[in-house]
């Protein structure tokens, strides 16, 4: 009886930690700046398995509506602090904008406020088109 209960408890623990293990297994290579994700690493994840991360476009709503990355959500940088509770703790978050400046500010905000978020930002020039395509150029 005790063995059966122990097996149930261990199985439950394994199931609860599975999403965290999957997020931890993502090979995110850091960029040059603290908190940034390497461009090659970001592009590889976006190509092979974009569902492994949450892309948050921190540009204003008008810019976002003109075009963004597939699957990206829009939280303008000025709203990050108020809307941090919308961000998942079980997968890495990558902030993007057109130059890396606002994305870096969003990263700084969530880092300073804590909350257990695993956050990064793309420190590069990104051009967005209305069809979900984008191009990234190192600065």
N, C-alpha and C. Protein backbone atom coordinates (compact mmCIF):
# COMPACT_ATOMS: atom_id res chain seq x y z
N UNK A 1 0.82 -1.18 0.00
CA UNK A 1 0.00 0.00 0.00
C UNK A 1 0.87 1.26 0.00
N UNK A 2 1.87 1.28 0.86
CA UNK A 2 2.76 2.44 0.93
C UNK A 2 3.52 2.61 -0.38
N UNK A 3 3.95 1.49 -0.94
CA UNK A 3 4.67 1.54 -2.21
C UNK A 3 3.78 2.12 -3.31
N UNK A 4 2.52 1.74 -3.33
CA UNK A 4 1.59 2.25 -4.35
C UNK A 4 1.40 3.76 -4.19
N UNK A 5 1.23 4.23 -2.98
CA UNK A 5 1.08 5.66 -2.72
C UNK A 5 2.35 6.40 -3.13
N UNK A 6 3.48 5.84 -2.80
CA UNK A 6 4.75 6.45 -3.18
C UNK A 6 4.88 6.56 -4.69
N UNK A 7 4.50 5.51 -5.42
CA UNK A 7 4.53 5.54 -6.89
C UNK A 7 3.61 6.62 -7.44
N UNK A 8 2.43 6.75 -6.86
CA UNK A 8 1.48 7.78 -7.31
C UNK A 8 2.07 9.17 -7.09
N UNK A 9 2.62 9.39 -5.91
CA UNK A 9 3.22 10.69 -5.59
C UNK A 9 4.39 10.99 -6.53
N UNK A 10 5.25 10.02 -6.74
CA UNK A 10 6.40 10.24 -7.63
C UNK A 10 5.95 10.49 -9.07
N UNK A 11 4.91 9.79 -9.51
CA UNK A 11 4.38 10.01 -10.86
C UNK A 11 3.81 11.41 -10.98
N UNK A 12 3.10 11.86 -9.97
CA UNK A 12 2.52 13.21 -9.99
C UNK A 12 3.62 14.26 -10.04
N UNK A 13 4.66 14.08 -9.27
CA UNK A 13 5.79 15.02 -9.28
C UNK A 13 6.44 15.05 -10.65
N UNK A 14 6.62 13.90 -11.25
CA UNK A 14 7.23 13.83 -12.58
C UNK A 14 6.36 14.54 -13.61
N UNK A 15 5.05 14.35 -13.55
CA UNK A 15 4.15 15.01 -14.49
C UNK A 15 4.14 16.52 -14.30
N UNK A 16 4.18 16.98 -13.06
CA UNK A 16 4.16 18.42 -12.81
C UNK A 16 5.45 19.08 -13.26
N UNK A 17 6.56 18.40 -13.18
CA UNK A 17 7.83 19.01 -13.54
C UNK A 17 8.19 18.83 -15.01
N UNK A 18 7.43 18.04 -15.75
CA UNK A 18 7.73 17.79 -17.16
C UNK A 18 7.77 19.07 -17.99
N UNK A 19 6.78 20.00 -17.88
CA UNK A 19 6.87 21.22 -18.68
C UNK A 19 8.10 22.04 -18.33
N UNK A 20 8.47 22.07 -17.07
CA UNK A 20 9.66 22.83 -16.68
C UNK A 20 10.92 22.20 -17.24
N UNK A 21 10.97 20.89 -17.25
CA UNK A 21 12.14 20.21 -17.80
C UNK A 21 12.24 20.47 -19.29
N UNK A 22 11.11 20.45 -19.98
CA UNK A 22 11.13 20.71 -21.42
C UNK A 22 11.64 22.12 -21.70
N UNK A 23 11.19 23.10 -20.91
CA UNK A 23 11.64 24.48 -21.10
C UNK A 23 13.13 24.60 -20.81
N UNK A 24 13.60 23.89 -19.79
CA UNK A 24 15.01 23.97 -19.43
C UNK A 24 15.90 23.33 -20.49
N UNK A 25 15.34 22.38 -21.26
CA UNK A 25 16.12 21.68 -22.26
C UNK A 25 16.35 22.49 -23.53
N UNK A 26 15.68 23.62 -23.67
CA UNK A 26 15.83 24.45 -24.86
C UNK A 26 17.24 25.02 -24.87
N UNK A 27 17.90 24.85 -25.99
CA UNK A 27 19.28 25.35 -26.12
C UNK A 27 19.25 26.82 -26.52
N UNK A 28 19.16 27.68 -25.54
CA UNK A 28 19.19 29.12 -25.78
C UNK A 28 20.61 29.60 -25.55
N UNK A 29 21.20 30.08 -26.63
CA UNK A 29 22.56 30.59 -26.54
C UNK A 29 22.50 32.10 -26.33
N UNK A 30 23.22 32.60 -25.35
CA UNK A 30 23.17 34.03 -25.06
C UNK A 30 23.79 34.87 -26.16
N UNK A 31 23.29 36.10 -26.26
CA UNK A 31 23.86 37.07 -27.18
C UNK A 31 25.00 37.82 -26.52
N UNK A 32 25.44 38.88 -27.15
CA UNK A 32 26.57 39.66 -26.63
C UNK A 32 26.20 40.46 -25.40
N UNK A 33 24.98 40.98 -25.36
CA UNK A 33 24.53 41.80 -24.23
C UNK A 33 23.87 40.92 -23.17
N UNK A 34 23.98 41.33 -21.91
CA UNK A 34 23.38 40.59 -20.82
C UNK A 34 21.87 40.46 -21.04
N UNK A 35 21.38 39.24 -20.97
CA UNK A 35 19.95 38.99 -21.12
C UNK A 35 19.49 38.78 -22.55
N UNK A 36 20.38 39.01 -23.49
CA UNK A 36 19.96 38.84 -24.89
C UNK A 36 20.13 37.39 -25.32
N UNK A 37 19.38 37.03 -26.33
CA UNK A 37 19.48 35.71 -26.95
C UNK A 37 20.26 35.88 -28.24
N UNK A 38 21.14 34.96 -28.54
CA UNK A 38 21.90 35.03 -29.78
C UNK A 38 20.96 34.97 -30.97
N UNK A 39 21.25 35.72 -31.99
CA UNK A 39 20.39 35.76 -33.18
C UNK A 39 20.26 34.38 -33.80
N UNK A 40 21.35 33.67 -33.95
CA UNK A 40 21.30 32.33 -34.55
C UNK A 40 20.45 31.39 -33.70
N UNK A 41 20.57 31.49 -32.39
CA UNK A 41 19.78 30.66 -31.49
C UNK A 41 18.30 30.97 -31.63
N UNK A 42 17.96 32.26 -31.65
CA UNK A 42 16.57 32.67 -31.80
C UNK A 42 16.00 32.19 -33.14
N UNK A 43 16.74 32.40 -34.21
CA UNK A 43 16.26 31.98 -35.53
C UNK A 43 16.09 30.46 -35.62
N UNK A 44 16.98 29.71 -34.99
CA UNK A 44 16.86 28.26 -34.99
C UNK A 44 15.59 27.82 -34.26
N UNK A 45 15.33 28.41 -33.11
CA UNK A 45 14.12 28.06 -32.36
C UNK A 45 12.87 28.44 -33.15
N UNK A 46 12.88 29.63 -33.75
CA UNK A 46 11.71 30.08 -34.52
C UNK A 46 11.46 29.18 -35.73
N UNK A 47 12.51 28.65 -36.29
CA UNK A 47 12.36 27.78 -37.47
C UNK A 47 11.95 26.36 -37.07
N UNK A 48 12.59 25.81 -36.06
CA UNK A 48 12.39 24.40 -35.72
C UNK A 48 11.26 24.12 -34.75
N UNK A 49 11.05 24.98 -33.77
CA UNK A 49 10.00 24.75 -32.78
C UNK A 49 9.65 26.04 -32.04
N UNK A 50 8.95 26.93 -32.71
CA UNK A 50 8.63 28.22 -32.09
C UNK A 50 7.74 28.11 -30.85
N UNK A 51 7.03 27.01 -30.70
CA UNK A 51 6.16 26.85 -29.53
C UNK A 51 6.96 26.67 -28.23
N UNK A 52 8.28 26.46 -28.34
CA UNK A 52 9.12 26.31 -27.15
C UNK A 52 9.28 27.62 -26.39
N UNK A 53 9.02 28.75 -27.06
CA UNK A 53 9.18 30.06 -26.43
C UNK A 53 7.91 30.88 -26.64
N UNK A 54 7.78 31.93 -25.86
CA UNK A 54 6.72 32.91 -26.10
C UNK A 54 7.41 34.17 -26.58
N UNK A 55 7.07 34.60 -27.79
CA UNK A 55 7.61 35.83 -28.33
C UNK A 55 6.64 36.95 -27.98
N UNK A 56 7.16 37.98 -27.32
CA UNK A 56 6.37 39.14 -26.94
C UNK A 56 6.89 40.35 -27.71
N UNK A 57 6.07 40.86 -28.60
CA UNK A 57 6.39 42.05 -29.39
C UNK A 57 6.04 43.25 -28.53
N UNK A 58 7.03 44.04 -28.16
CA UNK A 58 6.80 45.16 -27.23
C UNK A 58 6.63 46.50 -27.93
N UNK A 59 6.48 46.46 -29.25
CA UNK A 59 6.20 47.69 -29.98
C UNK A 59 4.76 48.13 -29.69
N UNK A 60 4.40 49.35 -30.06
CA UNK A 60 3.03 49.78 -29.80
C UNK A 60 2.06 49.03 -30.72
N UNK A 61 0.79 49.10 -30.37
CA UNK A 61 -0.23 48.32 -31.09
C UNK A 61 -0.28 48.65 -32.57
N UNK A 62 -0.10 49.91 -32.93
CA UNK A 62 -0.12 50.33 -34.33
C UNK A 62 1.00 49.64 -35.11
N UNK A 63 2.20 49.61 -34.56
CA UNK A 63 3.33 48.95 -35.22
C UNK A 63 3.08 47.44 -35.33
N UNK A 64 2.59 46.86 -34.25
CA UNK A 64 2.33 45.41 -34.21
C UNK A 64 1.32 45.01 -35.28
N UNK A 65 0.27 45.79 -35.45
CA UNK A 65 -0.77 45.46 -36.42
C UNK A 65 -0.27 45.52 -37.86
N UNK A 66 0.80 46.27 -38.10
CA UNK A 66 1.37 46.33 -39.46
C UNK A 66 2.14 45.06 -39.79
N UNK A 67 2.53 44.30 -38.79
CA UNK A 67 3.26 43.05 -39.01
C UNK A 67 4.09 42.68 -37.82
N UNK A 68 4.12 41.38 -37.54
CA UNK A 68 4.93 40.86 -36.44
C UNK A 68 5.34 39.44 -36.79
N UNK A 69 5.88 38.74 -35.82
CA UNK A 69 6.31 37.36 -36.00
C UNK A 69 5.14 36.42 -35.77
N UNK A 70 5.12 35.30 -36.45
CA UNK A 70 4.06 34.32 -36.23
C UNK A 70 4.03 33.88 -34.76
N UNK A 71 2.85 33.90 -34.17
CA UNK A 71 2.68 33.46 -32.79
C UNK A 71 3.02 34.49 -31.73
N UNK A 72 3.54 35.65 -32.13
CA UNK A 72 3.90 36.67 -31.15
C UNK A 72 2.65 37.32 -30.57
N UNK A 73 2.74 37.66 -29.29
CA UNK A 73 1.67 38.45 -28.67
C UNK A 73 2.20 39.87 -28.53
N UNK A 74 1.29 40.81 -28.37
CA UNK A 74 1.67 42.22 -28.26
C UNK A 74 1.40 42.72 -26.86
N UNK A 75 2.45 43.12 -26.18
CA UNK A 75 2.34 43.85 -24.92
C UNK A 75 3.31 45.02 -25.05
N UNK A 76 2.80 46.22 -25.33
CA UNK A 76 3.70 47.37 -25.46
C UNK A 76 4.58 47.54 -24.21
N UNK A 77 5.79 47.99 -24.42
CA UNK A 77 6.77 48.06 -23.33
C UNK A 77 6.24 48.84 -22.12
N UNK A 78 5.43 49.86 -22.34
CA UNK A 78 4.88 50.64 -21.23
C UNK A 78 3.86 49.88 -20.41
N UNK A 79 3.39 48.74 -20.89
CA UNK A 79 2.40 47.94 -20.17
C UNK A 79 2.98 46.68 -19.54
N UNK A 80 4.25 46.44 -19.76
CA UNK A 80 4.87 45.19 -19.26
C UNK A 80 4.68 45.03 -17.76
N UNK A 81 4.95 46.05 -16.99
CA UNK A 81 4.86 45.94 -15.53
C UNK A 81 3.44 45.56 -15.10
N UNK A 82 2.44 46.19 -15.69
CA UNK A 82 1.04 45.92 -15.32
C UNK A 82 0.58 44.54 -15.77
N UNK A 83 1.18 44.01 -16.84
CA UNK A 83 0.67 42.78 -17.44
C UNK A 83 1.59 41.58 -17.26
N UNK A 84 2.55 41.68 -16.33
CA UNK A 84 3.48 40.58 -16.10
C UNK A 84 2.78 39.28 -15.74
N UNK A 85 1.62 39.38 -15.10
CA UNK A 85 0.90 38.17 -14.70
C UNK A 85 0.38 37.38 -15.90
N UNK A 86 0.39 37.97 -17.10
CA UNK A 86 -0.04 37.28 -18.31
C UNK A 86 1.09 36.43 -18.91
N UNK A 87 2.28 36.62 -18.41
CA UNK A 87 3.45 35.93 -18.97
C UNK A 87 3.67 34.58 -18.28
N UNK A 88 3.95 33.54 -19.05
CA UNK A 88 4.12 32.21 -18.46
C UNK A 88 5.44 32.05 -17.72
N UNK A 89 5.40 31.24 -16.70
CA UNK A 89 6.63 30.92 -15.96
C UNK A 89 7.21 29.58 -16.40
N UNK A 90 6.47 28.87 -17.26
CA UNK A 90 6.90 27.53 -17.65
C UNK A 90 7.59 27.46 -19.00
N UNK A 91 7.83 28.62 -19.62
CA UNK A 91 8.58 28.61 -20.89
C UNK A 91 9.31 29.94 -21.01
N UNK A 92 10.42 29.94 -21.72
CA UNK A 92 11.18 31.17 -21.92
C UNK A 92 10.37 32.20 -22.71
N UNK A 93 10.56 33.45 -22.34
CA UNK A 93 9.92 34.59 -22.99
C UNK A 93 11.01 35.34 -23.73
N UNK A 94 10.74 35.71 -24.98
CA UNK A 94 11.70 36.49 -25.75
C UNK A 94 11.00 37.77 -26.20
N UNK A 95 11.53 38.90 -25.75
CA UNK A 95 10.99 40.20 -26.13
C UNK A 95 11.63 40.65 -27.43
N UNK A 96 10.81 41.21 -28.33
CA UNK A 96 11.31 41.72 -29.60
C UNK A 96 10.73 43.10 -29.87
N UNK A 97 11.46 43.88 -30.64
CA UNK A 97 11.01 45.16 -31.18
C UNK A 97 11.82 45.41 -32.44
N UNK A 98 11.78 46.60 -32.97
CA UNK A 98 12.47 46.84 -34.24
C UNK A 98 13.96 47.13 -34.09
N UNK A 99 14.41 47.53 -32.90
CA UNK A 99 15.84 47.85 -32.73
C UNK A 99 16.51 47.14 -31.56
N UNK A 100 15.74 46.52 -30.71
CA UNK A 100 16.29 45.89 -29.51
C UNK A 100 16.21 46.78 -28.29
N UNK A 101 15.98 48.08 -28.47
CA UNK A 101 15.96 49.02 -27.35
C UNK A 101 14.76 48.77 -26.43
N UNK A 102 13.56 48.74 -26.98
CA UNK A 102 12.37 48.51 -26.16
C UNK A 102 12.34 47.08 -25.64
N UNK A 103 12.83 46.13 -26.43
CA UNK A 103 12.90 44.75 -25.97
C UNK A 103 13.83 44.64 -24.76
N UNK A 104 14.96 45.34 -24.81
CA UNK A 104 15.89 45.36 -23.68
C UNK A 104 15.27 46.01 -22.46
N UNK A 105 14.48 47.06 -22.67
CA UNK A 105 13.79 47.72 -21.56
C UNK A 105 12.77 46.77 -20.92
N UNK A 106 12.05 46.01 -21.75
CA UNK A 106 11.09 45.03 -21.23
C UNK A 106 11.82 43.96 -20.41
N UNK A 107 12.95 43.48 -20.94
CA UNK A 107 13.76 42.51 -20.22
C UNK A 107 14.19 43.08 -18.86
N UNK A 108 14.70 44.31 -18.85
CA UNK A 108 15.12 44.94 -17.60
C UNK A 108 13.97 45.04 -16.61
N UNK A 109 12.79 45.39 -17.10
CA UNK A 109 11.62 45.53 -16.23
C UNK A 109 11.28 44.21 -15.55
N UNK A 110 11.15 43.13 -16.32
CA UNK A 110 10.77 41.85 -15.70
C UNK A 110 11.89 41.31 -14.82
N UNK A 111 13.13 41.62 -15.17
CA UNK A 111 14.25 41.15 -14.34
C UNK A 111 14.26 41.88 -13.00
N UNK A 112 14.06 43.19 -13.03
CA UNK A 112 14.05 43.97 -11.79
C UNK A 112 12.87 43.63 -10.89
N UNK A 113 11.73 43.34 -11.49
CA UNK A 113 10.53 43.05 -10.70
C UNK A 113 10.46 41.60 -10.25
N UNK A 114 11.31 40.76 -10.80
CA UNK A 114 11.32 39.35 -10.41
C UNK A 114 10.11 38.62 -10.95
N UNK A 115 9.59 37.73 -10.19
CA UNK A 115 8.40 37.00 -10.60
C UNK A 115 8.70 35.64 -11.19
N UNK A 116 9.94 35.24 -11.23
CA UNK A 116 10.28 33.90 -11.68
C UNK A 116 10.18 33.68 -13.18
N UNK A 117 10.24 34.74 -13.96
CA UNK A 117 10.17 34.61 -15.41
C UNK A 117 11.55 34.36 -16.00
N UNK A 118 11.60 33.50 -16.99
CA UNK A 118 12.84 33.23 -17.73
C UNK A 118 12.76 34.07 -19.00
N UNK A 119 13.40 35.23 -19.00
CA UNK A 119 13.24 36.19 -20.09
C UNK A 119 14.55 36.47 -20.81
N UNK A 120 14.40 36.80 -22.08
CA UNK A 120 15.50 37.19 -22.97
C UNK A 120 14.98 38.30 -23.88
N UNK A 121 15.89 38.89 -24.62
CA UNK A 121 15.46 39.85 -25.64
C UNK A 121 16.38 39.73 -26.85
N UNK A 122 15.85 40.12 -28.00
CA UNK A 122 16.63 40.10 -29.23
C UNK A 122 17.24 41.48 -29.40
N UNK A 123 18.56 41.55 -29.35
CA UNK A 123 19.29 42.81 -29.49
C UNK A 123 19.77 42.92 -30.93
N UNK A 124 18.84 43.34 -31.81
CA UNK A 124 19.15 43.42 -33.23
C UNK A 124 18.11 44.30 -33.91
N UNK A 125 18.39 44.65 -35.15
CA UNK A 125 17.42 45.37 -35.97
C UNK A 125 16.53 44.34 -36.64
N UNK A 126 15.22 44.48 -36.44
CA UNK A 126 14.27 43.54 -37.02
C UNK A 126 13.30 44.32 -37.90
N UNK A 127 13.13 43.83 -39.12
CA UNK A 127 12.14 44.39 -40.05
C UNK A 127 10.98 43.41 -40.12
N UNK A 128 9.78 43.91 -39.93
CA UNK A 128 8.58 43.09 -39.94
C UNK A 128 7.76 43.39 -41.19
N UNK A 129 7.15 42.37 -41.78
CA UNK A 129 6.24 42.59 -42.89
C UNK A 129 4.86 42.08 -42.50
N UNK A 130 3.85 42.53 -43.20
CA UNK A 130 2.48 42.20 -42.85
C UNK A 130 2.10 40.74 -43.00
N UNK A 131 2.92 39.94 -43.66
CA UNK A 131 2.59 38.54 -43.90
C UNK A 131 3.23 37.58 -42.90
N UNK A 132 3.74 38.11 -41.79
CA UNK A 132 4.36 37.26 -40.76
C UNK A 132 5.83 37.02 -40.98
N UNK A 133 6.37 37.54 -42.08
CA UNK A 133 7.80 37.38 -42.33
C UNK A 133 8.56 38.53 -41.65
N UNK A 134 9.80 38.25 -41.36
CA UNK A 134 10.65 39.23 -40.71
C UNK A 134 12.09 38.94 -41.10
N UNK A 135 12.93 39.95 -40.92
CA UNK A 135 14.37 39.74 -41.12
C UNK A 135 15.11 40.38 -39.96
N UNK A 136 16.15 39.70 -39.53
CA UNK A 136 16.94 40.15 -38.38
C UNK A 136 18.35 40.48 -38.87
N UNK A 137 18.83 41.63 -38.44
CA UNK A 137 20.17 42.07 -38.80
C UNK A 137 20.91 42.49 -37.52
N UNK A 138 22.06 41.88 -37.31
CA UNK A 138 22.86 42.23 -36.13
C UNK A 138 23.26 43.69 -36.21
N UNK A 139 23.35 44.31 -35.03
CA UNK A 139 23.74 45.72 -34.99
C UNK A 139 25.21 45.85 -34.76
